[in-house]
Amino acid sequence: MKDKQAVSIKYNAPKAPEVIAKGFGERAEAIIKLAEESGILVHQDTELASYLTRLDVGDEIPKEVYVIIAELIAWSYILQGKKPEKWNNIHNKVDDRV
């Protein structure tokens, strides 16, 4: 069985999101635990984590994963009740009662 892996990214617009922590095994568990305790969204995606663990801490995410990361950031904002002022749920796919 592969070691658990974790990558933490931070987004400071207008810069691209960057890797701020990464780890395997016990370090990955510690990163996940700290994120959960801090109320930070934890997304489980083995393939994305494997890709991102190849980056160094301080690296910006590559353009190849911009869309994936942008969707995760947007979803985390919705889960926190943050929406753009003129946001329009035209497809009615997001339930505001979440």
C-alpha atoms as a PDB file:
ATOM      1  CA  MET A   1       0.000   0.000   0.000  1.00  0.00           C
ATOM      2  CA  LYS A   2       1.294   3.470  -0.894  1.00  0.00           C
ATOM      3  CA  ASP A   3       2.022   6.002   1.815  1.00  0.00           C
ATOM      4  CA  LYS A   4      -0.665   8.601   2.389  1.00  0.00           C
ATOM      5  CA  GLN A   5       0.270  11.845   0.679  1.00  0.00           C
ATOM      6  CA  ALA A   6      -0.895  15.420   1.201  1.00  0.00           C
ATOM      7  CA  VAL A   7      -0.283  18.728  -0.496  1.00  0.00           C
ATOM      8  CA  SER A   8      -1.411  22.075   0.841  1.00  0.00           C
ATOM      9  CA  ILE A   9      -1.861  24.989  -1.520  1.00  0.00           C
ATOM     10  CA  LYS A  10      -2.534  28.652  -0.896  1.00  0.00           C
ATOM     11  CA  TYR A  11      -4.109  31.131  -3.269  1.00  0.00           C
ATOM     12  CA  ASN A  12      -3.185  34.796  -3.093  1.00  0.00           C
ATOM     13  CA  ALA A  13      -4.760  36.480  -6.118  1.00  0.00           C
ATOM     14  CA  PRO A  14      -3.589  37.592  -8.595  1.00  0.00           C
ATOM     15  CA  LYS A  15      -0.704  35.092  -8.308  1.00  0.00           C
ATOM     16  CA  ALA A  16      -1.213  31.429  -9.147  1.00  0.00           C
ATOM     17  CA  PRO A  17      -1.870  29.101  -6.204  1.00  0.00           C
ATOM     18  CA  GLU A  18       1.341  27.784  -4.680  1.00  0.00           C
ATOM     19  CA  VAL A  19       2.392  24.728  -2.723  1.00  0.00           C
ATOM     20  CA  ILE A  20       2.905  25.667   0.925  1.00  0.00           C
ATOM     21  CA  ALA A  21       3.331  22.192   2.431  1.00  0.00           C
ATOM     22  CA  LYS A  22       3.587  18.592   1.323  1.00  0.00           C
ATOM     23  CA  GLY A  23       4.320  15.286   2.922  1.00  0.00           C
ATOM     24  CA  PHE A  24       3.984  11.535   2.953  1.00  0.00           C
ATOM     25  CA  GLY A  25       2.968   9.050   5.630  1.00  0.00           C
ATOM     26  CA  GLU A  26       2.888  10.576   9.116  1.00  0.00           C
ATOM     27  CA  ARG A  27       3.689  14.057   7.787  1.00  0.00           C
ATOM     28  CA  ALA A  28       0.726  13.813   5.385  1.00  0.00           C
ATOM     29  CA  GLU A  29      -1.516  12.783   8.278  1.00  0.00           C
ATOM     30  CA  ALA A  30      -0.296  15.805  10.268  1.00  0.00           C
ATOM     31  CA  ILE A  31      -0.974  18.183   7.346  1.00  0.00           C
ATOM     32  CA  ILE A  32      -4.500  16.794   6.939  1.00  0.00           C
ATOM     33  CA  LYS A  33      -5.220  16.930  10.669  1.00  0.00           C
ATOM     34  CA  LEU A  34      -4.018  20.536  10.939  1.00  0.00           C
ATOM     35  CA  ALA A  35      -6.111  21.549   7.928  1.00  0.00           C
ATOM     36  CA  GLU A  36      -9.239  19.911   9.349  1.00  0.00           C
ATOM     37  CA  GLU A  37      -8.670  21.481  12.773  1.00  0.00           C
ATOM     38  CA  SER A  38      -8.236  24.873  11.079  1.00  0.00           C
ATOM     39  CA  GLY A  39     -11.443  24.546   9.051  1.00  0.00           C
ATOM     40  CA  ILE A  40      -9.585  24.296   5.751  1.00  0.00           C
ATOM     41  CA  LEU A  41     -11.176  22.338   2.918  1.00  0.00           C
ATOM     42  CA  VAL A  42      -9.595  18.902   2.512  1.00  0.00           C
ATOM     43  CA  HIS A  43     -10.116  17.388  -0.923  1.00  0.00           C
ATOM     44  CA  GLN A  44      -9.168  13.753  -1.482  1.00  0.00           C
ATOM     45  CA  ASP A  45      -7.831  13.032  -4.961  1.00  0.00           C
ATOM     46  CA  THR A  46      -4.974  10.548  -5.166  1.00  0.00           C
ATOM     47  CA  GLU A  47      -4.042  11.400  -8.764  1.00  0.00           C
ATOM     48  CA  LEU A  48      -4.018  15.163  -8.161  1.00  0.00           C
ATOM     49  CA  ALA A  49      -1.996  14.708  -4.963  1.00  0.00           C
ATOM     50  CA  SER A  50       0.515  12.490  -6.792  1.00  0.00           C
ATOM     51  CA  TYR A  51       0.909  15.159  -9.457  1.00  0.00           C
ATOM     52  CA  LEU A  52       1.251  18.020  -6.969  1.00  0.00           C
ATOM     53  CA  THR A  53       3.743  16.196  -4.714  1.00  0.00           C
ATOM     54  CA  ARG A  54       6.241  16.413  -7.566  1.00  0.00           C
ATOM     55  CA  LEU A  55       6.349  20.174  -6.968  1.00  0.00           C
ATOM     56  CA  ASP A  56       8.533  21.835  -4.358  1.00  0.00           C
ATOM     57  CA  VAL A  57       7.199  23.948  -1.503  1.00  0.00           C
ATOM     58  CA  GLY A  58       6.979  27.493  -2.868  1.00  0.00           C
ATOM     59  CA  ASP A  59       6.282  26.385  -6.453  1.00  0.00           C
ATOM     60  CA  GLU A  60       3.234  27.794  -8.216  1.00  0.00           C
ATOM     61  CA  ILE A  61       0.882  25.175  -9.587  1.00  0.00           C
ATOM     62  CA  PRO A  62       1.390  24.463 -13.300  1.00  0.00           C
ATOM     63  CA  LYS A  63      -1.054  25.748 -15.887  1.00  0.00           C
ATOM     64  CA  GLU A  64      -2.060  22.146 -16.627  1.00  0.00           C
ATOM     65  CA  VAL A  65      -4.023  21.992 -13.352  1.00  0.00           C
ATOM     66  CA  TYR A  66      -5.392  25.572 -13.228  1.00  0.00           C
ATOM     67  CA  VAL A  67      -8.943  24.487 -14.081  1.00  0.00           C
ATOM     68  CA  ILE A  68      -8.977  21.714 -11.479  1.00  0.00           C
ATOM     69  CA  ILE A  69      -7.629  23.977  -8.742  1.00  0.00           C
ATOM     70  CA  ALA A  70      -9.921  26.852  -9.781  1.00  0.00           C
ATOM     71  CA  GLU A  71     -12.952  24.554  -9.461  1.00  0.00           C
ATOM     72  CA  LEU A  72     -11.833  23.429  -6.000  1.00  0.00           C
ATOM     73  CA  ILE A  73     -11.288  27.022  -4.871  1.00  0.00           C
ATOM     74  CA  ALA A  74     -14.671  28.088  -6.284  1.00  0.00           C
ATOM     75  CA  TRP A  75     -16.395  25.159  -4.586  1.00  0.00           C
ATOM     76  CA  SER A  76     -14.711  25.969  -1.267  1.00  0.00           C
ATOM     77  CA  TYR A  77     -16.003  29.551  -1.518  1.00  0.00           C
ATOM     78  CA  ILE A  78     -19.552  28.301  -2.126  1.00  0.00           C
ATOM     79  CA  LEU A  79     -19.297  25.941   0.854  1.00  0.00           C
ATOM     80  CA  GLN A  80     -18.267  28.931   2.980  1.00  0.00           C
ATOM     81  CA  GLY A  81     -21.229  30.954   1.700  1.00  0.00           C
ATOM     82  CA  LYS A  82     -19.014  33.298  -0.312  1.00  0.00           C
ATOM     83  CA  LYS A  83     -20.399  34.208  -3.728  1.00  0.00           C
ATOM     84  CA  PRO A  84     -19.619  37.045  -6.111  1.00  0.00           C
ATOM     85  CA  GLU A  85     -22.025  39.958  -5.784  1.00  0.00           C
ATOM     86  CA  LYS A  86     -23.562  39.322  -9.218  1.00  0.00           C
ATOM     87  CA  TRP A  87     -23.364  35.518  -9.038  1.00  0.00           C
ATOM     88  CA  ASN A  88     -26.180  33.808 -10.880  1.00  0.00           C
ATOM     89  CA  ASN A  89     -26.946  30.142 -10.270  1.00  0.00           C
ATOM     90  CA  ILE A  90     -28.337  29.760 -13.815  1.00  0.00           C
ATOM     91  CA  HIS A  91     -28.220  25.976 -13.831  1.00  0.00           C
ATOM     92  CA  ASN A  92     -29.642  25.639 -10.318  1.00  0.00           C
ATOM     93  CA  LYS A  93     -26.926  23.094  -9.509  1.00  0.00           C
ATOM     94  CA  VAL A  94     -25.906  24.758  -6.242  1.00  0.00           C
ATOM     95  CA  ASP A  95     -28.307  24.559  -3.335  1.00  0.00           C
ATOM     96  CA  ASP A  96     -27.947  27.720  -1.258  1.00  0.00           C
ATOM     97  CA  ARG A  97     -29.228  25.834   1.791  1.00  0.00           C
ATOM     98  CA  VAL A  98     -25.908  23.969   2.165  1.00  0.00           C
END
